[in-house]
């Protein structure tokens, strides 16, 4: 061996030995001296992220089920990786996702999952998040959404027309695409001032839904390799398409939103008001905001998040609700009868959201749909920065990322007996007994960081489910429980076949 090779060999040995010593010391610290060392859980998960990596990256979104097994073995409080603790106690949810003046930071490991660290949803510090959210609160207030009802009615009418066309033609409708067309057109019209037109020339295709499916399929990779997301965001769309053809549409939408952000900033700089009456960018470019809050990158990421959140999760929920109504004709008929006798005497009546909210059985159907749809499936930690919390006798030091996944709340058999059953009556019976079951609905999270679009989502759910139930009879087409199963966590639930998918044939339109 030459002297040069000998030196390289020695350096390699020293480097390898140093790395081994580092891993050994780190493991000892994590297992025996870390503030979470006394929290129950498997040693391998406490020592490294390898267990999490194996189930979520290698097996594909499966760590959620390993958490279930951990709780069965170790109890309601489990350390699931070196830093995070998962808690299986629905009544502790409000402690983790607290509101008011109780400060809750995001876990810094969460933002890379979306590759959009400048948006409200990804803002880590409590106070910074509060400042950013305040900008948009009025935009998504209940009154603002009620003012949007003419647009909601217009889009619902257009979707109903599409269903009528499918009935005449005898064609199969993929409900996930149909409902995503509506939600995408609503959120784009509301936030950007003009609709993306999915209920028009693009129907029934929905490349926006496919774009966000691509993003969600990568959340676990981005969690472990955050620099990859930052790199992809900086590349031109054509380069992104070459590296990953499935990302082509996502890159296109990012470019579209970025251009709108540039135009909004330019108009603000020139003192010109936007010609779009409804535009999220009007709020985001307010000159009263600090300059660092009015950058093109930040506006782009905020616009993308609002677009995705406003289109994808509500469409997913509507798809699941429609599936269960079709599968349970007695529930559908009971709901239809309530609508016919109250807010919708005619099939195409246009009741206000406020009137629909007063209907007990429709409200029960909406709640049960939300419960089974669950919302986000991913783990969203919160950090109590100023409090030491205690759960089940286990002390959780301030600064610990804590999680309760919504699936474990919504599927708790002590709260919701026979939890896999679609049973709107459970909400009616609970109300009669003075039990407030809605407090256990966590689709929109809770506290100071709950979902900004909760009012818009509820309005869409009430108005679209009412119209769907009141006007159409449908049969499932090549669709079973396996197509809407809770098999894998990719931000929203996926079945082993992929994103939830429900095919139907419309076999009757009510004109009474």
Protein backbone atom coordinates (compact mmCIF):
# COMPACT_ATOMS: atom_id res chain seq x y z
CA UNK A 1 0.00 0.00 0.00
CA UNK A 2 1.39 3.39 -0.99
CA UNK A 3 1.88 6.08 1.70
CA UNK A 4 -0.93 8.12 0.18
CA UNK A 5 -3.32 5.16 0.30
CA UNK A 6 -2.19 4.44 3.82
CA UNK A 7 -3.06 7.96 4.95
CA UNK A 8 -6.47 7.74 3.32
CA UNK A 9 -7.06 4.39 4.98
CA UNK A 10 -6.11 5.80 8.37
CA UNK A 11 -8.42 8.78 7.89
CA UNK A 12 -11.26 6.46 6.92
CA UNK A 13 -10.68 4.30 10.01
CA UNK A 14 -10.53 7.34 12.28
CA UNK A 15 -13.65 8.81 10.66
CA UNK A 16 -15.53 5.52 10.97
CA UNK A 17 -14.47 5.04 14.58
CA UNK A 18 -15.44 8.62 15.45
CA UNK A 19 -18.85 8.18 13.86
CA UNK A 20 -19.36 4.90 15.77
CA UNK A 21 -18.43 6.59 19.04
CA UNK A 22 -20.82 9.47 18.23
CA UNK A 23 -23.71 7.07 17.55
CA UNK A 24 -22.95 5.11 20.71
CA UNK A 25 -22.85 8.20 22.92
CA UNK A 26 -25.97 9.62 21.30
CA UNK A 27 -27.84 6.36 21.83
CA UNK A 28 -26.81 6.22 25.49
CA UNK A 29 -27.95 9.80 25.98
CA UNK A 30 -31.31 9.25 24.27
CA UNK A 31 -32.04 6.07 26.23
CA UNK A 32 -30.86 7.07 29.70
CA UNK A 33 -30.30 10.83 30.02
CA UNK A 34 -32.76 12.46 27.61
CA UNK A 35 -35.70 14.35 29.23
CA UNK A 36 -38.00 11.70 27.69
CA UNK A 37 -35.96 8.71 28.88
CA UNK A 38 -38.67 7.69 31.39
CA UNK A 39 -41.52 7.84 28.86
CA UNK A 40 -42.66 4.30 27.91
CA UNK A 41 -41.93 2.99 24.43
CA UNK A 42 -39.68 0.68 22.40
CA UNK A 43 -35.97 1.30 22.90
CA UNK A 44 -35.15 1.23 19.19
CA UNK A 45 -37.71 3.96 18.45
CA UNK A 46 -36.35 6.05 21.34
CA UNK A 47 -32.76 5.63 20.15
CA UNK A 48 -33.21 6.50 16.46
CA UNK A 49 -35.66 7.30 13.67
CA UNK A 50 -34.99 3.97 11.97
CA UNK A 51 -38.32 2.44 13.05
CA UNK A 52 -40.25 5.45 11.78
CA UNK A 53 -38.26 5.44 8.54
CA UNK A 54 -38.90 1.74 7.97
CA UNK A 55 -42.68 1.92 8.40
CA UNK A 56 -43.32 5.24 6.65
CA UNK A 57 -40.72 5.23 3.86
CA UNK A 58 -39.86 1.59 3.18
CA UNK A 59 -43.34 0.15 3.79
CA UNK A 60 -45.16 3.34 2.75
CA UNK A 61 -47.22 5.28 5.27
CA UNK A 62 -47.59 2.45 7.78
CA UNK A 63 -46.17 3.89 11.00
CA UNK A 64 -49.69 4.80 12.13
CA UNK A 65 -50.43 1.10 12.62
CA UNK A 66 -47.17 0.51 14.46
CA UNK A 67 -48.24 3.29 16.84
CA UNK A 68 -51.44 1.35 17.52
CA UNK A 69 -49.39 -1.73 18.46
CA UNK A 70 -47.09 0.40 20.65
CA UNK A 71 -50.05 1.71 22.62
CA UNK A 72 -51.42 -1.79 23.08
CA UNK A 73 -48.09 -2.78 24.64
CA UNK A 74 -46.91 0.36 26.47
CA UNK A 75 -50.10 2.22 27.36
CA UNK A 76 -51.63 5.61 26.44
CA UNK A 77 -48.36 7.60 26.51
CA UNK A 78 -45.63 6.37 24.14
CA UNK A 79 -42.33 7.79 22.94
CA UNK A 80 -42.48 7.11 19.21
CA UNK A 81 -39.08 8.51 18.17
CA UNK A 82 -36.20 10.27 19.94
CA UNK A 83 -38.13 13.55 20.23
CA UNK A 84 -41.88 12.95 19.98
CA UNK A 85 -44.56 11.47 22.23
CA UNK A 86 -47.90 10.13 21.00
CA UNK A 87 -50.83 10.16 23.42
CA UNK A 88 -53.88 7.90 23.21
CA UNK A 89 -56.29 9.91 25.35
CA UNK A 90 -59.05 11.85 23.55
CA UNK A 91 -59.64 14.06 26.57
CA UNK A 92 -56.00 15.16 26.53
CA UNK A 93 -56.35 16.43 22.95
CA UNK A 94 -57.25 19.95 24.09
CA UNK A 95 -54.09 20.07 26.19
CA UNK A 96 -51.90 19.35 23.18
CA UNK A 97 -53.82 21.50 20.71
CA UNK A 98 -54.61 24.29 23.16
CA UNK A 99 -55.98 27.73 22.42
CA UNK A 100 -56.15 31.10 24.08
CA UNK A 101 -52.91 32.41 25.53
CA UNK A 102 -51.38 28.97 25.94
CA UNK A 103 -48.49 28.97 23.53
CA UNK A 104 -48.09 26.06 21.15
CA UNK A 105 -45.26 25.94 18.61
CA UNK A 106 -45.18 23.66 15.59
CA UNK A 107 -42.52 20.96 15.66
CA UNK A 108 -39.72 22.18 13.32
CA UNK A 109 -39.72 18.75 11.65
CA UNK A 110 -43.26 19.31 10.32
CA UNK A 111 -42.83 22.14 7.74
CA UNK A 112 -40.49 20.21 5.39
CA UNK A 113 -43.22 17.63 4.76
CA UNK A 114 -45.01 20.09 2.49
CA UNK A 115 -41.92 21.79 1.13
CA UNK A 116 -43.59 25.13 1.91
CA UNK A 117 -42.02 26.43 5.11
CA UNK A 118 -43.14 30.07 4.61
CA UNK A 119 -46.89 29.42 4.83
CA UNK A 120 -49.10 29.86 7.89
CA UNK A 121 -49.53 26.11 8.37
CA UNK A 122 -45.75 25.65 8.49
CA UNK A 123 -44.91 28.59 10.75
CA UNK A 124 -43.14 27.23 13.82
CA UNK A 125 -43.17 29.95 16.55
CA UNK A 126 -46.52 30.62 18.21
CA UNK A 127 -46.33 34.41 18.02
CA UNK A 128 -45.18 34.48 14.39
CA UNK A 129 -48.00 32.12 13.45
CA UNK A 130 -50.53 34.31 15.25
CA UNK A 131 -49.35 37.37 13.32
CA UNK A 132 -49.56 35.57 9.96
CA UNK A 133 -52.92 34.01 10.71
CA UNK A 134 -54.43 37.32 11.76
CA UNK A 135 -53.90 38.55 8.19
CA UNK A 136 -56.27 35.89 6.85
CA UNK A 137 -58.75 35.42 9.70
CA UNK A 138 -61.33 37.87 8.34
CA UNK A 139 -60.95 36.42 4.86
CA UNK A 140 -62.15 33.03 6.16
CA UNK A 141 -64.56 34.20 8.87
CA UNK A 142 -68.05 32.76 8.99
CA UNK A 143 -69.54 36.04 7.74
CA UNK A 144 -67.13 36.10 4.79
CA UNK A 145 -68.08 32.55 3.87
CA UNK A 146 -71.79 33.38 4.15
CA UNK A 147 -71.18 36.22 1.71
CA UNK A 148 -69.69 33.60 -0.62
CA UNK A 149 -72.93 31.59 -0.77
CA UNK A 150 -73.95 32.81 -4.27
CA UNK A 151 -70.69 31.38 -5.62
CA UNK A 152 -71.21 28.15 -3.68
CA UNK A 153 -74.72 27.84 -5.09
CA UNK A 154 -73.49 28.53 -8.61
CA UNK A 155 -70.83 25.81 -8.37
CA UNK A 156 -73.25 23.36 -6.76
CA UNK A 157 -75.74 23.97 -9.57
CA UNK A 158 -73.01 23.33 -12.13
CA UNK A 159 -72.03 20.05 -10.45
CA UNK A 160 -75.69 19.00 -10.36
CA UNK A 161 -75.90 19.71 -14.08
CA UNK A 162 -72.86 17.50 -14.65
CA UNK A 163 -74.55 14.71 -12.71
CA UNK A 164 -77.68 15.12 -14.80
CA UNK A 165 -75.61 14.86 -17.97
CA UNK A 166 -74.00 11.67 -16.66
CA UNK A 167 -77.46 10.27 -15.92
CA UNK A 168 -78.59 10.94 -19.50
CA UNK A 169 -75.41 9.51 -21.00
CA UNK A 170 -75.19 6.53 -18.64
CA UNK A 171 -71.57 7.30 -17.89
CA UNK A 172 -69.64 6.38 -14.75
CA UNK A 173 -68.73 9.29 -12.48
CA UNK A 174 -65.66 9.25 -10.28
CA UNK A 175 -66.92 11.18 -7.28
CA UNK A 176 -63.46 12.11 -6.00
CA UNK A 177 -62.85 14.03 -9.24
CA UNK A 178 -66.35 15.51 -9.38
CA UNK A 179 -66.22 16.86 -5.84
CA UNK A 180 -62.63 18.02 -6.27
CA UNK A 181 -63.76 19.99 -9.34
CA UNK A 182 -66.29 21.82 -7.21
CA UNK A 183 -63.98 22.53 -4.26
CA UNK A 184 -61.14 23.65 -6.55
CA UNK A 185 -63.42 26.05 -8.42
CA UNK A 186 -64.80 27.45 -5.17
CA UNK A 187 -61.47 28.04 -3.45
CA UNK A 188 -59.81 29.45 -6.57
CA UNK A 189 -62.72 31.82 -7.27
CA UNK A 190 -62.75 32.95 -3.65
CA UNK A 191 -59.02 33.35 -3.15
CA UNK A 192 -57.77 34.40 -6.58
CA UNK A 193 -60.77 36.17 -8.02
CA UNK A 194 -61.35 33.72 -10.87
CA UNK A 195 -62.26 30.06 -11.05
CA UNK A 196 -59.89 27.39 -12.34
CA UNK A 197 -62.78 26.07 -14.43
CA UNK A 198 -62.75 22.40 -13.44
CA UNK A 199 -66.54 22.21 -13.61
CA UNK A 200 -66.35 23.63 -17.12
CA UNK A 201 -63.94 22.55 -19.83
CA UNK A 202 -61.70 20.38 -17.63
CA UNK A 203 -64.46 18.23 -16.13
CA UNK A 204 -64.17 15.38 -15.20
CA UNK A 205 -60.37 15.44 -15.20
CA UNK A 206 -58.67 17.06 -12.23
CA UNK A 207 -54.94 17.51 -12.53
CA UNK A 208 -54.93 19.70 -9.41
CA UNK A 209 -56.04 16.71 -7.35
CA UNK A 210 -53.36 14.60 -9.00
CA UNK A 211 -50.80 17.31 -8.27
CA UNK A 212 -51.52 17.31 -4.57
CA UNK A 213 -51.64 13.52 -4.50
CA UNK A 214 -48.07 13.66 -5.83
CA UNK A 215 -47.10 16.11 -3.10
CA UNK A 216 -48.71 13.99 -0.39
CA UNK A 217 -47.02 10.83 -1.64
CA UNK A 218 -43.70 12.49 -0.91
CA UNK A 219 -44.37 13.77 2.61
CA UNK A 220 -42.46 10.99 4.32
CA UNK A 221 -39.42 11.41 2.07
CA UNK A 222 -39.41 15.16 2.68
CA UNK A 223 -39.67 14.57 6.44
CA UNK A 224 -36.40 12.65 6.43
CA UNK A 225 -34.74 14.58 3.60
CA UNK A 226 -36.00 18.19 3.90
CA UNK A 227 -33.34 19.64 1.61
CA UNK A 228 -34.88 17.76 -1.31
CA UNK A 229 -38.06 19.82 -1.05
CA UNK A 230 -36.12 23.08 -0.92
CA UNK A 231 -34.17 22.06 -4.00
CA UNK A 232 -37.28 21.12 -5.97
CA UNK A 233 -38.89 24.48 -5.14
CA UNK A 234 -35.96 26.36 -6.67
CA UNK A 235 -35.88 24.45 -9.95
CA UNK A 236 -37.74 25.60 -13.10
CA UNK A 237 -40.92 23.59 -13.78
CA UNK A 238 -39.47 21.87 -16.87
CA UNK A 239 -36.53 20.55 -14.80
CA UNK A 240 -38.91 19.31 -12.10
CA UNK A 241 -40.93 17.53 -14.79
CA UNK A 242 -37.83 15.80 -16.09
CA UNK A 243 -36.82 14.62 -12.62
CA UNK A 244 -40.33 13.50 -11.71
CA UNK A 245 -43.01 13.53 -14.43
CA UNK A 246 -45.75 13.25 -11.78
CA UNK A 247 -44.64 16.61 -10.37
CA UNK A 248 -45.24 18.41 -13.67
CA UNK A 249 -48.72 19.62 -12.77
CA UNK A 250 -47.68 20.68 -9.28
CA UNK A 251 -44.84 22.71 -10.77
CA UNK A 252 -47.31 24.29 -13.22
CA UNK A 253 -49.65 25.37 -10.43
CA UNK A 254 -46.77 26.74 -8.41
CA UNK A 255 -45.73 28.84 -11.42
CA UNK A 256 -49.31 30.07 -11.87
CA UNK A 257 -49.66 31.10 -8.23
CA UNK A 258 -46.19 32.66 -8.26
CA UNK A 259 -47.16 34.83 -11.23
CA UNK A 260 -50.25 36.03 -9.38
CA UNK A 261 -48.07 36.86 -6.39
CA UNK A 262 -45.70 38.89 -8.58
CA UNK A 263 -48.62 40.79 -10.13
CA UNK A 264 -50.11 41.54 -6.70
CA UNK A 265 -46.82 42.83 -5.35
CA UNK A 266 -46.27 44.93 -8.46
CA UNK A 267 -49.77 46.44 -8.21
CA UNK A 268 -49.25 47.25 -4.55
CA UNK A 269 -45.86 48.84 -5.23
CA UNK A 270 -47.44 51.08 -7.90
CA UNK A 271 -50.30 52.01 -5.61
CA UNK A 272 -52.86 50.28 -7.80
CA UNK A 273 -55.67 48.31 -6.23
CA UNK A 274 -56.15 44.78 -7.50
CA UNK A 275 -58.90 44.47 -10.09
CA UNK A 276 -59.96 41.24 -8.41
CA UNK A 277 -62.55 41.88 -5.72
CA UNK A 278 -61.84 38.59 -3.99
CA UNK A 279 -58.15 37.86 -3.78
CA UNK A 280 -56.13 36.39 -0.97
CA UNK A 281 -53.18 38.40 -2.23
CA UNK A 282 -54.98 41.65 -1.37
CA UNK A 283 -54.53 40.72 2.27
CA UNK A 284 -51.03 39.31 1.92
CA UNK A 285 -49.54 42.40 0.24
CA UNK A 286 -50.88 44.91 2.75
CA UNK A 287 -48.13 47.55 3.06
CA UNK A 288 -48.68 47.61 6.84
CA UNK A 289 -46.99 44.20 6.99
CA UNK A 290 -43.21 43.90 7.41
CA UNK A 291 -41.36 43.63 4.07
CA UNK A 292 -40.17 40.08 4.87
CA UNK A 293 -43.83 39.01 4.99
CA UNK A 294 -44.48 40.36 1.48
CA UNK A 295 -42.03 38.37 -0.61
CA UNK A 296 -42.86 36.47 -3.77
CA UNK A 297 -41.80 33.17 -2.20
CA UNK A 298 -43.99 33.64 0.84
CA UNK A 299 -47.06 34.68 -1.17
CA UNK A 300 -46.53 31.74 -3.51
CA UNK A 301 -46.36 29.20 -0.71
CA UNK A 302 -49.38 30.67 1.09
CA UNK A 303 -51.36 30.61 -2.12
CA UNK A 304 -50.42 27.00 -2.81
CA UNK A 305 -51.34 25.82 0.68
CA UNK A 306 -54.72 27.55 0.63
CA UNK A 307 -55.46 26.09 -2.79
CA UNK A 308 -54.52 22.56 -1.78
CA UNK A 309 -56.18 22.60 1.62
CA UNK A 310 -59.34 24.16 0.24
CA UNK A 311 -59.68 21.66 -2.58
CA UNK A 312 -58.35 18.30 -1.46
CA UNK A 313 -59.53 17.48 2.06
CA UNK A 314 -63.12 18.66 1.63
CA UNK A 315 -63.44 16.72 -1.63
CA UNK A 316 -62.11 13.64 0.15
CA UNK A 317 -64.72 14.08 2.87
CA UNK A 318 -67.58 14.56 0.40
CA UNK A 319 -66.49 11.44 -1.48
CA UNK A 320 -66.61 9.33 1.66
CA UNK A 321 -69.95 10.78 2.75
CA UNK A 322 -71.52 10.03 -0.64
CA UNK A 323 -70.19 6.47 -0.53
CA UNK A 324 -71.84 5.78 2.81
CA UNK A 325 -75.13 7.40 1.83
CA UNK A 326 -75.29 5.21 -1.27
CA UNK A 327 -74.37 2.14 0.78
CA UNK A 328 -77.11 2.95 3.30
CA UNK A 329 -80.31 3.77 1.36
CA UNK A 330 -82.45 3.99 4.52
CA UNK A 331 -80.19 6.80 5.80
CA UNK A 332 -80.31 8.54 2.43
CA UNK A 333 -84.11 8.36 2.28
CA UNK A 334 -84.45 9.67 5.84
CA UNK A 335 -82.16 12.58 5.03
CA UNK A 336 -84.03 13.27 1.80
CA UNK A 337 -87.32 13.35 3.65
CA UNK A 338 -86.00 15.86 6.19
CA UNK A 339 -84.76 18.09 3.38
CA UNK A 340 -88.01 17.81 1.41
CA UNK A 341 -90.11 18.76 4.44
CA UNK A 342 -87.95 21.69 5.51
CA UNK A 343 -85.27 23.64 3.68
CA UNK A 344 -85.53 21.99 0.23
CA UNK A 345 -89.15 21.46 -0.84
CA UNK A 346 -87.90 21.24 -4.44
CA UNK A 347 -84.91 19.31 -5.73
CA UNK A 348 -83.14 22.47 -6.83
CA UNK A 349 -84.08 24.66 -3.89
CA UNK A 350 -81.24 26.89 -2.78
CA UNK A 351 -81.37 27.04 1.02
CA UNK A 352 -78.94 29.14 2.99
CA UNK A 353 -76.17 27.44 4.91
CA UNK A 354 -77.62 28.93 8.11
CA UNK A 355 -80.93 27.14 7.46
CA UNK A 356 -79.27 23.83 6.66
CA UNK A 357 -77.27 23.96 9.90
CA UNK A 358 -80.55 23.88 11.84
CA UNK A 359 -81.58 20.49 10.41
CA UNK A 360 -80.80 17.80 13.01
CA UNK A 361 -80.47 14.79 10.74
CA UNK A 362 -78.43 16.61 8.08
CA UNK A 363 -76.15 17.84 10.86
CA UNK A 364 -75.83 14.27 12.13
CA UNK A 365 -74.92 13.07 8.62
CA UNK A 366 -72.33 15.84 8.24
CA UNK A 367 -70.80 15.01 11.64
CA UNK A 368 -70.68 11.30 10.93
CA UNK A 369 -69.13 11.97 7.53
CA UNK A 370 -66.45 14.11 9.15
CA UNK A 371 -65.82 11.48 11.80
CA UNK A 372 -65.23 8.70 9.29
CA UNK A 373 -63.34 10.90 6.83
CA UNK A 374 -61.02 11.86 9.72
CA UNK A 375 -59.30 14.64 7.79
CA UNK A 376 -55.53 14.70 7.88
CA UNK A 377 -54.02 11.34 8.70
CA UNK A 378 -50.51 12.61 9.37
CA UNK A 379 -48.92 13.28 12.71
CA UNK A 380 -49.07 17.00 13.57
CA UNK A 381 -47.07 17.65 16.75
CA UNK A 382 -47.48 20.66 19.00
CA UNK A 383 -44.92 21.91 21.49
CA UNK A 384 -45.97 23.41 24.81
CA UNK A 385 -43.13 25.88 25.13
CA UNK A 386 -43.95 27.14 28.63
CA UNK A 387 -45.71 24.24 30.34
CA UNK A 388 -44.78 20.86 31.73
CA UNK A 389 -47.80 18.65 31.08
CA UNK A 390 -48.72 15.40 32.79
CA UNK A 391 -50.74 12.58 31.21
CA UNK A 392 -51.52 9.25 32.87
CA UNK A 393 -48.88 9.99 35.48
CA UNK A 394 -46.16 10.59 32.89
CA UNK A 395 -44.43 13.96 33.02
CA UNK A 396 -43.95 15.63 29.65
CA UNK A 397 -41.36 18.42 29.87
CA UNK A 398 -41.88 21.78 28.19
CA UNK A 399 -40.48 21.68 24.67
CA UNK A 400 -41.66 18.12 23.96
CA UNK A 401 -43.44 17.59 20.60
CA UNK A 402 -46.75 15.94 21.51
CA UNK A 403 -49.22 14.28 19.14
CA UNK A 404 -52.67 12.72 19.13
CA UNK A 405 -53.59 11.52 15.64
CA UNK A 406 -57.22 12.14 14.74
CA UNK A 407 -57.77 8.51 13.76
CA UNK A 408 -57.30 7.42 17.37
CA UNK A 409 -59.92 9.93 18.55
CA UNK A 410 -62.54 9.28 15.88
CA UNK A 411 -62.20 5.51 16.12
CA UNK A 412 -62.27 5.28 19.91
CA UNK A 413 -64.95 2.66 20.68
CA UNK A 414 -65.59 4.11 24.15
CA UNK A 415 -66.73 7.37 22.54
CA UNK A 416 -68.08 5.99 19.26
CA UNK A 417 -69.30 2.39 19.73
CA UNK A 418 -68.88 0.26 16.60
CA UNK A 419 -66.69 3.05 15.18
CA UNK A 420 -66.39 1.69 11.63
CA UNK A 421 -70.17 1.89 11.16
CA UNK A 422 -71.72 4.90 9.42
CA UNK A 423 -74.34 5.78 12.01
CA UNK A 424 -75.72 9.36 12.06
CA UNK A 425 -78.13 8.35 14.83
CA UNK A 426 -75.25 8.26 17.32
CA UNK A 427 -75.20 12.08 17.16
CA UNK A 428 -78.98 12.38 17.65
CA UNK A 429 -78.96 10.03 20.65
CA UNK A 430 -75.95 11.74 22.23
CA UNK A 431 -77.61 15.17 21.92
CA UNK A 432 -80.79 13.84 23.55
CA UNK A 433 -78.67 12.59 26.46
CA UNK A 434 -76.92 15.94 26.81
CA UNK A 435 -73.60 14.60 25.51
CA UNK A 436 -71.67 17.01 23.29
CA UNK A 437 -70.06 14.56 20.84
CA UNK A 438 -68.82 17.24 18.39
CA UNK A 439 -66.04 18.10 20.85
CA UNK A 440 -64.37 14.88 19.71
CA UNK A 441 -64.33 15.86 16.04
CA UNK A 442 -60.73 16.79 15.27
CA UNK A 443 -60.74 17.07 11.46
CA UNK A 444 -59.78 20.73 11.70
CA UNK A 445 -57.53 20.36 14.76
CA UNK A 446 -58.24 22.71 17.66
CA UNK A 447 -56.87 25.64 19.53
CA UNK A 448 -55.00 28.63 18.15
CA UNK A 449 -53.76 26.63 15.16
CA UNK A 450 -56.99 25.02 14.04
CA UNK A 451 -57.75 24.92 10.32
CA UNK A 452 -58.24 28.36 8.83
CA UNK A 453 -60.79 27.07 6.30
CA UNK A 454 -63.16 25.37 8.75
CA UNK A 455 -66.13 27.64 7.92
CA UNK A 456 -65.75 27.20 4.18
CA UNK A 457 -65.47 23.42 4.60
CA UNK A 458 -68.65 23.23 6.68
CA UNK A 459 -70.56 25.39 4.21
CA UNK A 460 -69.53 23.12 1.32
CA UNK A 461 -70.36 19.96 3.25
CA UNK A 462 -73.85 21.13 4.21
CA UNK A 463 -74.76 22.54 0.80
CA UNK A 464 -73.31 19.78 -1.38
CA UNK A 465 -74.50 16.83 0.74
CA UNK A 466 -77.99 18.35 0.86
CA UNK A 467 -78.13 18.76 -2.92
CA UNK A 468 -76.61 15.31 -3.53
CA UNK A 469 -79.16 13.62 -1.24
CA UNK A 470 -82.17 15.63 -2.37
CA UNK A 471 -81.76 15.27 -6.14
CA UNK A 472 -79.95 12.08 -7.15
CA UNK A 473 -80.16 8.32 -6.90
CA UNK A 474 -76.86 6.54 -7.52
CA UNK A 475 -75.43 3.04 -7.58
CA UNK A 476 -71.83 2.20 -6.77
CA UNK A 477 -69.76 1.07 -9.74
CA UNK A 478 -66.84 -1.30 -9.12
CA UNK A 479 -66.37 0.23 -5.67
CA UNK A 480 -66.14 -1.56 -2.32
CA UNK A 481 -64.94 -0.81 1.19
CA UNK A 482 -61.42 -1.63 -0.03
CA UNK A 483 -61.46 1.55 -2.14
CA UNK A 484 -62.04 3.79 0.87
CA UNK A 485 -60.02 1.84 3.44
CA UNK A 486 -57.70 3.32 6.06
CA UNK A 487 -54.59 1.52 4.93
CA UNK A 488 -51.85 4.12 4.55
CA UNK A 489 -51.06 7.58 5.86
CA UNK A 490 -50.10 10.03 3.12
CA UNK A 491 -51.33 13.27 4.77
CA UNK A 492 -54.84 12.00 3.99
CA UNK A 493 -55.88 8.37 4.20
CA UNK A 494 -55.14 6.10 1.25
CA UNK A 495 -56.28 2.57 0.59
CA UNK A 496 -53.80 -0.01 -0.60
CA UNK A 497 -55.09 0.81 -4.09
CA UNK A 498 -54.19 4.50 -3.77
CA UNK A 499 -56.18 7.65 -2.89
CA UNK A 500 -59.81 7.04 -2.00
CA UNK A 501 -61.89 6.48 -5.12
CA UNK A 502 -65.65 6.02 -5.55
CA UNK A 503 -67.23 5.26 -8.91
CA UNK A 504 -70.99 5.65 -9.38
CA UNK A 505 -73.67 5.46 -12.01
CA UNK A 506 -76.51 7.93 -11.62
CA UNK A 507 -79.73 6.04 -12.09
CA UNK A 508 -82.33 8.60 -11.25
CA UNK A 509 -82.90 12.35 -10.93
CA UNK A 510 -85.65 13.68 -8.69
CA UNK A 511 -87.61 16.56 -10.17
CA UNK A 512 -90.14 16.99 -7.38
